[in-house]
Amino acid sequence: PAAPAGRPVAVGILGSGRIGRMHAALIAGRVPGLRLAAVHDQVESAAHELGSDMGVPAFAGESGVA
């Protein structure tokens, strides 16, 4: 569904490896109409590193995915 006019669509990234980092960077700064909302990885330190780099909340393990 389309987002209401003027409101970006919030996107979460699952996985903070090379591809996840690339997608997070693109969404965070180059894709109009999208907003990076959060990141998740099974490895807690990896999730928090990417979240810190992108300035968004980070979640790890199974509890972060609903």
N, C-alpha and C. Protein backbone atom coordinates (compact mmCIF):
# COMPACT_ATOMS: atom_id res chain seq x y z
N PRO A 1 0.82 -1.20 0.00
CA PRO A 1 0.00 0.00 0.00
C PRO A 1 0.86 1.25 0.00
N ALA A 2 0.36 2.28 -0.56
CA ALA A 2 1.08 3.54 -0.62
C ALA A 2 1.04 4.24 0.73
N ALA A 3 2.12 4.97 1.02
CA ALA A 3 2.17 5.75 2.26
C ALA A 3 1.38 7.03 2.06
N PRO A 4 0.83 7.57 3.14
CA PRO A 4 0.15 8.86 3.03
C PRO A 4 1.11 9.90 2.46
N ALA A 5 0.60 10.81 1.68
CA ALA A 5 1.44 11.84 1.06
C ALA A 5 2.26 12.56 2.12
N GLY A 6 3.54 12.71 1.86
CA GLY A 6 4.42 13.42 2.77
C GLY A 6 4.99 12.60 3.90
N ARG A 7 4.54 11.37 4.07
CA ARG A 7 5.06 10.51 5.14
C ARG A 7 5.88 9.39 4.54
N PRO A 8 7.16 9.29 4.91
CA PRO A 8 7.97 8.20 4.37
C PRO A 8 7.55 6.84 4.93
N VAL A 9 7.81 5.81 4.19
CA VAL A 9 7.54 4.44 4.61
C VAL A 9 8.72 3.99 5.48
N ALA A 10 8.44 3.49 6.67
CA ALA A 10 9.48 3.01 7.58
C ALA A 10 9.89 1.60 7.17
N VAL A 11 11.20 1.38 7.07
CA VAL A 11 11.75 0.10 6.63
C VAL A 11 12.73 -0.41 7.68
N GLY A 12 12.66 -1.71 7.98
CA GLY A 12 13.62 -2.35 8.86
C GLY A 12 14.50 -3.29 8.06
N ILE A 13 15.76 -3.40 8.45
CA ILE A 13 16.71 -4.28 7.77
C ILE A 13 16.97 -5.49 8.66
N LEU A 14 16.83 -6.68 8.10
CA LEU A 14 17.16 -7.93 8.79
C LEU A 14 18.50 -8.42 8.26
N GLY A 15 19.50 -8.41 9.12
CA GLY A 15 20.85 -8.83 8.73
C GLY A 15 21.76 -7.64 8.59
N SER A 16 22.92 -7.69 9.23
CA SER A 16 23.84 -6.56 9.18
C SER A 16 25.16 -6.91 8.51
N GLY A 17 25.11 -7.90 7.64
CA GLY A 17 26.29 -8.23 6.85
C GLY A 17 26.48 -7.22 5.72
N ARG A 18 27.31 -7.58 4.77
CA ARG A 18 27.65 -6.67 3.67
C ARG A 18 26.41 -6.18 2.93
N ILE A 19 25.51 -7.08 2.57
CA ILE A 19 24.31 -6.71 1.82
C ILE A 19 23.36 -5.88 2.69
N GLY A 20 23.16 -6.28 3.94
CA GLY A 20 22.31 -5.52 4.84
C GLY A 20 22.81 -4.10 5.05
N ARG A 21 24.13 -3.96 5.21
CA ARG A 21 24.73 -2.63 5.37
C ARG A 21 24.50 -1.78 4.13
N MET A 22 24.67 -2.39 2.96
CA MET A 22 24.48 -1.66 1.71
C MET A 22 23.03 -1.17 1.60
N HIS A 23 22.09 -2.05 1.89
CA HIS A 23 20.68 -1.66 1.81
C HIS A 23 20.34 -0.59 2.84
N ALA A 24 20.86 -0.73 4.05
CA ALA A 24 20.60 0.27 5.10
C ALA A 24 21.11 1.64 4.67
N ALA A 25 22.31 1.70 4.12
CA ALA A 25 22.87 2.98 3.68
C ALA A 25 22.05 3.59 2.55
N LEU A 26 21.61 2.76 1.61
CA LEU A 26 20.79 3.28 0.51
C LEU A 26 19.46 3.81 1.01
N ILE A 27 18.80 3.06 1.87
CA ILE A 27 17.50 3.50 2.39
C ILE A 27 17.66 4.76 3.24
N ALA A 28 18.70 4.79 4.06
CA ALA A 28 18.90 5.91 4.97
C ALA A 28 19.17 7.22 4.25
N GLY A 29 19.78 7.17 3.08
CA GLY A 29 20.17 8.44 2.49
C GLY A 29 19.84 8.67 1.03
N ARG A 30 19.36 7.66 0.33
CA ARG A 30 19.24 7.84 -1.11
C ARG A 30 17.90 7.48 -1.72
N VAL A 31 17.00 6.93 -0.96
CA VAL A 31 15.73 6.49 -1.54
C VAL A 31 14.61 7.40 -1.03
N PRO A 32 14.15 8.31 -1.88
CA PRO A 32 13.07 9.20 -1.45
C PRO A 32 11.82 8.39 -1.07
N GLY A 33 11.17 8.82 -0.03
CA GLY A 33 9.94 8.16 0.40
C GLY A 33 10.14 7.00 1.35
N LEU A 34 11.41 6.66 1.65
CA LEU A 34 11.70 5.59 2.61
C LEU A 34 12.49 6.15 3.78
N ARG A 35 12.29 5.53 4.95
CA ARG A 35 13.03 5.92 6.16
C ARG A 35 13.51 4.65 6.83
N LEU A 36 14.79 4.60 7.14
CA LEU A 36 15.33 3.46 7.87
C LEU A 36 14.85 3.56 9.31
N ALA A 37 14.09 2.57 9.77
CA ALA A 37 13.48 2.63 11.10
C ALA A 37 14.26 1.84 12.14
N ALA A 38 14.86 0.70 11.75
CA ALA A 38 15.56 -0.16 12.70
C ALA A 38 16.35 -1.21 11.94
N VAL A 39 17.28 -1.84 12.65
CA VAL A 39 18.06 -2.95 12.08
C VAL A 39 18.02 -4.13 13.05
N HIS A 40 18.22 -5.33 12.50
CA HIS A 40 18.21 -6.55 13.31
C HIS A 40 19.29 -7.48 12.80
N ASP A 41 19.92 -8.19 13.71
CA ASP A 41 20.85 -9.25 13.36
C ASP A 41 20.82 -10.28 14.48
N GLN A 42 21.12 -11.52 14.17
CA GLN A 42 21.20 -12.56 15.20
C GLN A 42 22.35 -12.30 16.16
N VAL A 43 23.41 -11.65 15.66
CA VAL A 43 24.58 -11.34 16.48
C VAL A 43 24.40 -9.95 17.08
N GLU A 44 24.29 -9.89 18.39
CA GLU A 44 23.98 -8.63 19.06
C GLU A 44 24.97 -7.52 18.74
N SER A 45 26.26 -7.81 18.78
CA SER A 45 27.26 -6.77 18.53
C SER A 45 27.15 -6.23 17.11
N ALA A 46 26.85 -7.09 16.15
CA ALA A 46 26.70 -6.65 14.75
C ALA A 46 25.48 -5.76 14.60
N ALA A 47 24.38 -6.14 15.24
CA ALA A 47 23.17 -5.32 15.17
C ALA A 47 23.41 -3.94 15.76
N HIS A 48 24.04 -3.89 16.92
CA HIS A 48 24.26 -2.61 17.58
C HIS A 48 25.26 -1.74 16.83
N GLU A 49 26.24 -2.35 16.21
CA GLU A 49 27.20 -1.57 15.42
C GLU A 49 26.50 -0.90 14.23
N LEU A 50 25.69 -1.66 13.50
CA LEU A 50 24.99 -1.08 12.35
C LEU A 50 23.97 -0.04 12.81
N GLY A 51 23.24 -0.34 13.86
CA GLY A 51 22.28 0.63 14.39
C GLY A 51 22.95 1.93 14.78
N SER A 52 24.09 1.83 15.43
CA SER A 52 24.85 3.01 15.83
C SER A 52 25.32 3.79 14.60
N ASP A 53 25.84 3.07 13.62
CA ASP A 53 26.32 3.71 12.39
C ASP A 53 25.20 4.45 11.66
N MET A 54 23.99 3.89 11.70
CA MET A 54 22.86 4.46 10.95
C MET A 54 21.98 5.38 11.81
N GLY A 55 22.22 5.40 13.12
CA GLY A 55 21.42 6.25 13.99
C GLY A 55 20.00 5.76 14.20
N VAL A 56 19.83 4.43 14.21
CA VAL A 56 18.50 3.84 14.41
C VAL A 56 18.57 2.77 15.49
N PRO A 57 17.42 2.37 16.04
CA PRO A 57 17.41 1.29 17.03
C PRO A 57 17.90 -0.02 16.42
N ALA A 58 18.53 -0.84 17.25
CA ALA A 58 19.02 -2.15 16.82
C ALA A 58 18.44 -3.23 17.72
N PHE A 59 18.14 -4.36 17.11
CA PHE A 59 17.58 -5.50 17.83
C PHE A 59 18.37 -6.73 17.45
N ALA A 60 18.45 -7.69 18.38
CA ALA A 60 19.22 -8.91 18.12
C ALA A 60 18.45 -10.13 18.60
N GLY A 61 18.83 -11.27 18.05
CA GLY A 61 18.24 -12.53 18.46
C GLY A 61 16.81 -12.68 17.99
N GLU A 62 16.17 -13.73 18.46
CA GLU A 62 14.80 -14.02 18.04
C GLU A 62 13.79 -13.04 18.60
N SER A 63 14.08 -12.42 19.72
CA SER A 63 13.11 -11.51 20.34
C SER A 63 12.90 -10.24 19.53
N GLY A 64 13.84 -9.90 18.66
CA GLY A 64 13.72 -8.67 17.89
C GLY A 64 12.87 -8.79 16.65
N VAL A 65 12.45 -10.01 16.32
CA VAL A 65 11.66 -10.23 15.10
C VAL A 65 10.26 -10.64 15.50
N ALA A 66 9.29 -9.92 15.01
CA ALA A 66 7.89 -10.26 15.33
C ALA A 66 7.10 -10.48 14.06
